[in-house]
N, C-alpha and C. Protein backbone atom coordinates (compact mmCIF):
# COMPACT_ATOMS: atom_id res chain seq x y z
N MET A 1 87.13 106.13 137.71
CA MET A 1 88.08 106.44 136.64
C MET A 1 87.34 107.14 135.50
N LYS A 2 87.95 108.23 135.01
CA LYS A 2 87.36 108.99 133.91
C LYS A 2 87.98 108.54 132.59
N ILE A 3 87.29 108.85 131.48
CA ILE A 3 87.81 108.46 130.16
C ILE A 3 89.16 109.13 129.90
N GLY A 4 89.36 110.32 130.44
CA GLY A 4 90.63 111.01 130.26
C GLY A 4 91.80 110.28 130.90
N ASP A 5 91.53 109.41 131.87
CA ASP A 5 92.58 108.62 132.49
C ASP A 5 93.00 107.46 131.60
N LEU A 6 92.14 107.10 130.65
CA LEU A 6 92.42 105.97 129.78
C LEU A 6 93.01 106.37 128.43
N VAL A 7 92.75 107.62 128.01
CA VAL A 7 93.21 108.08 126.69
C VAL A 7 94.43 108.97 126.88
N ARG A 8 95.56 108.56 126.31
CA ARG A 8 96.79 109.33 126.47
C ARG A 8 96.91 110.43 125.42
N ARG A 9 96.48 110.13 124.19
CA ARG A 9 96.50 111.15 123.14
C ARG A 9 95.58 110.73 122.01
N VAL A 10 95.21 111.72 121.20
CA VAL A 10 94.33 111.50 120.06
C VAL A 10 95.00 112.16 118.86
N TYR A 11 95.07 111.45 117.75
CA TYR A 11 95.64 112.05 116.54
C TYR A 11 94.93 111.52 115.30
N PRO A 12 94.93 112.31 114.23
CA PRO A 12 94.20 111.94 113.02
C PRO A 12 94.94 110.89 112.20
N THR A 13 94.19 110.18 111.38
CA THR A 13 94.78 109.18 110.50
C THR A 13 93.88 108.97 109.29
N CYS A 14 94.35 108.19 108.33
CA CYS A 14 93.55 107.81 107.17
C CYS A 14 93.32 106.31 107.17
N SER A 15 92.25 105.89 106.54
CA SER A 15 91.98 104.47 106.40
C SER A 15 92.11 104.08 104.94
N LYS A 16 93.16 103.34 104.59
CA LYS A 16 93.32 102.88 103.21
C LYS A 16 92.29 101.80 102.88
N ASP A 17 91.73 101.18 103.91
CA ASP A 17 90.71 100.15 103.69
C ASP A 17 89.34 100.76 103.44
N ASN A 18 89.19 102.04 103.77
CA ASN A 18 87.91 102.70 103.61
C ASN A 18 87.75 103.12 102.15
N PRO A 19 86.72 102.67 101.46
CA PRO A 19 86.54 103.00 100.03
C PRO A 19 86.53 104.51 99.78
N GLU A 20 86.03 105.28 100.72
CA GLU A 20 85.98 106.73 100.54
C GLU A 20 87.30 107.38 100.95
N ASN A 21 88.26 106.59 101.41
CA ASN A 21 89.53 107.13 101.89
C ASN A 21 89.28 108.23 102.92
N GLY A 22 88.43 107.93 103.87
CA GLY A 22 87.99 108.93 104.82
C GLY A 22 89.02 109.23 105.89
N LEU A 23 88.77 110.31 106.58
CA LEU A 23 89.62 110.73 107.68
C LEU A 23 89.11 110.09 108.97
N GLY A 24 90.01 109.73 109.83
CA GLY A 24 89.59 109.13 111.09
C GLY A 24 90.41 109.68 112.24
N VAL A 25 90.16 109.14 113.40
CA VAL A 25 90.87 109.55 114.60
C VAL A 25 91.43 108.30 115.27
N VAL A 26 92.67 108.37 115.71
CA VAL A 26 93.27 107.28 116.46
C VAL A 26 93.35 107.69 117.92
N LEU A 27 92.85 106.83 118.77
CA LEU A 27 92.95 107.05 120.21
C LEU A 27 94.03 106.12 120.75
N GLU A 28 94.97 106.68 121.51
CA GLU A 28 95.95 105.83 122.18
C GLU A 28 95.39 105.56 123.57
N ILE A 29 94.96 104.33 123.80
CA ILE A 29 94.23 104.02 125.03
C ILE A 29 94.98 103.02 125.90
N LEU A 30 94.68 103.06 127.18
CA LEU A 30 95.26 102.13 128.14
C LEU A 30 94.37 100.90 128.24
N PHE A 31 94.94 99.74 127.96
CA PHE A 31 94.17 98.50 127.99
C PHE A 31 95.03 97.42 128.64
N ASN A 32 94.58 96.93 129.78
CA ASN A 32 95.34 95.92 130.51
C ASN A 32 96.80 96.35 130.75
N ASP A 33 96.98 97.59 131.19
CA ASP A 33 98.29 98.14 131.52
C ASP A 33 99.21 98.35 130.33
N TYR A 34 98.68 98.25 129.10
CA TYR A 34 99.48 98.53 127.91
C TYR A 34 98.81 99.65 127.12
N TRP A 35 99.64 100.54 126.56
CA TRP A 35 99.11 101.59 125.69
C TRP A 35 99.05 101.07 124.27
N GLY A 36 97.87 101.20 123.64
CA GLY A 36 97.73 100.75 122.26
C GLY A 36 96.86 101.70 121.48
N ASP A 37 96.97 101.63 120.15
CA ASP A 37 96.22 102.52 119.28
C ASP A 37 94.97 101.82 118.76
N THR A 38 93.89 102.55 118.70
CA THR A 38 92.67 102.06 118.07
C THR A 38 92.07 103.17 117.23
N ALA A 39 91.70 102.83 116.00
CA ALA A 39 91.18 103.84 115.08
C ALA A 39 89.65 103.87 115.15
N VAL A 40 89.10 105.05 115.20
CA VAL A 40 87.65 105.22 115.30
C VAL A 40 87.19 106.40 114.46
N VAL A 41 85.90 106.52 114.30
CA VAL A 41 85.24 107.71 113.73
C VAL A 41 85.76 108.06 112.33
N TRP A 42 85.30 107.33 111.34
CA TRP A 42 85.71 107.62 109.96
C TRP A 42 84.71 108.54 109.29
N TRP A 43 85.21 109.44 108.47
CA TRP A 43 84.33 110.28 107.66
C TRP A 43 85.06 110.70 106.40
N ASP A 44 84.34 111.31 105.47
CA ASP A 44 84.90 111.62 104.14
C ASP A 44 85.54 113.01 104.13
N ASN A 45 86.79 113.04 103.70
CA ASN A 45 87.47 114.32 103.52
C ASN A 45 88.82 114.04 102.89
N GLU A 46 88.86 113.89 101.57
CA GLU A 46 90.06 113.38 100.90
C GLU A 46 91.26 114.30 101.04
N THR A 47 91.07 115.59 100.82
CA THR A 47 92.20 116.52 100.90
C THR A 47 92.78 116.54 102.30
N GLN A 48 91.91 116.66 103.29
CA GLN A 48 92.35 116.67 104.68
C GLN A 48 93.02 115.33 105.02
N CYS A 49 92.49 114.26 104.45
CA CYS A 49 93.01 112.93 104.71
C CYS A 49 94.48 112.82 104.26
N GLU A 50 94.78 113.35 103.09
CA GLU A 50 96.15 113.29 102.58
C GLU A 50 97.10 114.05 103.50
N TYR A 51 96.67 115.21 103.95
CA TYR A 51 97.49 116.01 104.87
C TYR A 51 97.69 115.27 106.18
N GLU A 52 96.60 114.73 106.73
CA GLU A 52 96.67 114.07 108.02
C GLU A 52 97.50 112.79 107.94
N GLN A 53 97.48 112.12 106.78
CA GLN A 53 98.29 110.91 106.64
C GLN A 53 99.77 111.25 106.75
N ARG A 54 100.18 112.36 106.14
CA ARG A 54 101.57 112.79 106.26
C ARG A 54 101.88 113.12 107.71
N HIS A 55 100.94 113.77 108.38
CA HIS A 55 101.11 114.11 109.79
C HIS A 55 101.29 112.85 110.62
N LEU A 56 100.49 111.83 110.34
CA LEU A 56 100.55 110.59 111.09
C LEU A 56 101.91 109.92 110.89
N GLU A 57 102.44 109.95 109.67
CA GLU A 57 103.75 109.34 109.41
C GLU A 57 104.83 110.03 110.23
N ILE A 58 104.76 111.35 110.35
CA ILE A 58 105.72 112.10 111.16
C ILE A 58 105.57 111.72 112.63
N VAL A 59 104.33 111.63 113.08
CA VAL A 59 104.08 111.25 114.48
C VAL A 59 104.66 109.86 114.76
N ASN A 60 104.46 108.93 113.85
CA ASN A 60 104.96 107.58 114.05
C ASN A 60 106.48 107.53 114.08
N GLU A 61 107.13 108.35 113.26
CA GLU A 61 108.60 108.38 113.24
C GLU A 61 109.15 108.92 114.56
N ASN A 62 108.37 109.75 115.23
CA ASN A 62 108.85 110.37 116.47
C ASN A 62 108.53 109.55 117.71
N ARG A 63 107.90 108.41 117.53
CA ARG A 63 107.51 107.60 118.69
C ARG A 63 108.68 106.83 119.24
């Protein structure tokens, strides 16, 4: 099994818990036959973070 078989999609997000309000990536992964989201890879980029947060809200509304 390849990693691509486990990851259904990847989309950006923000971490409100991160003091730097960094940008991150959410992986939607297959775990025990259920698809779930896990956030990884945080870094600093406030302007991009604000844009991506709005994008994430739209993505969530369309789920």
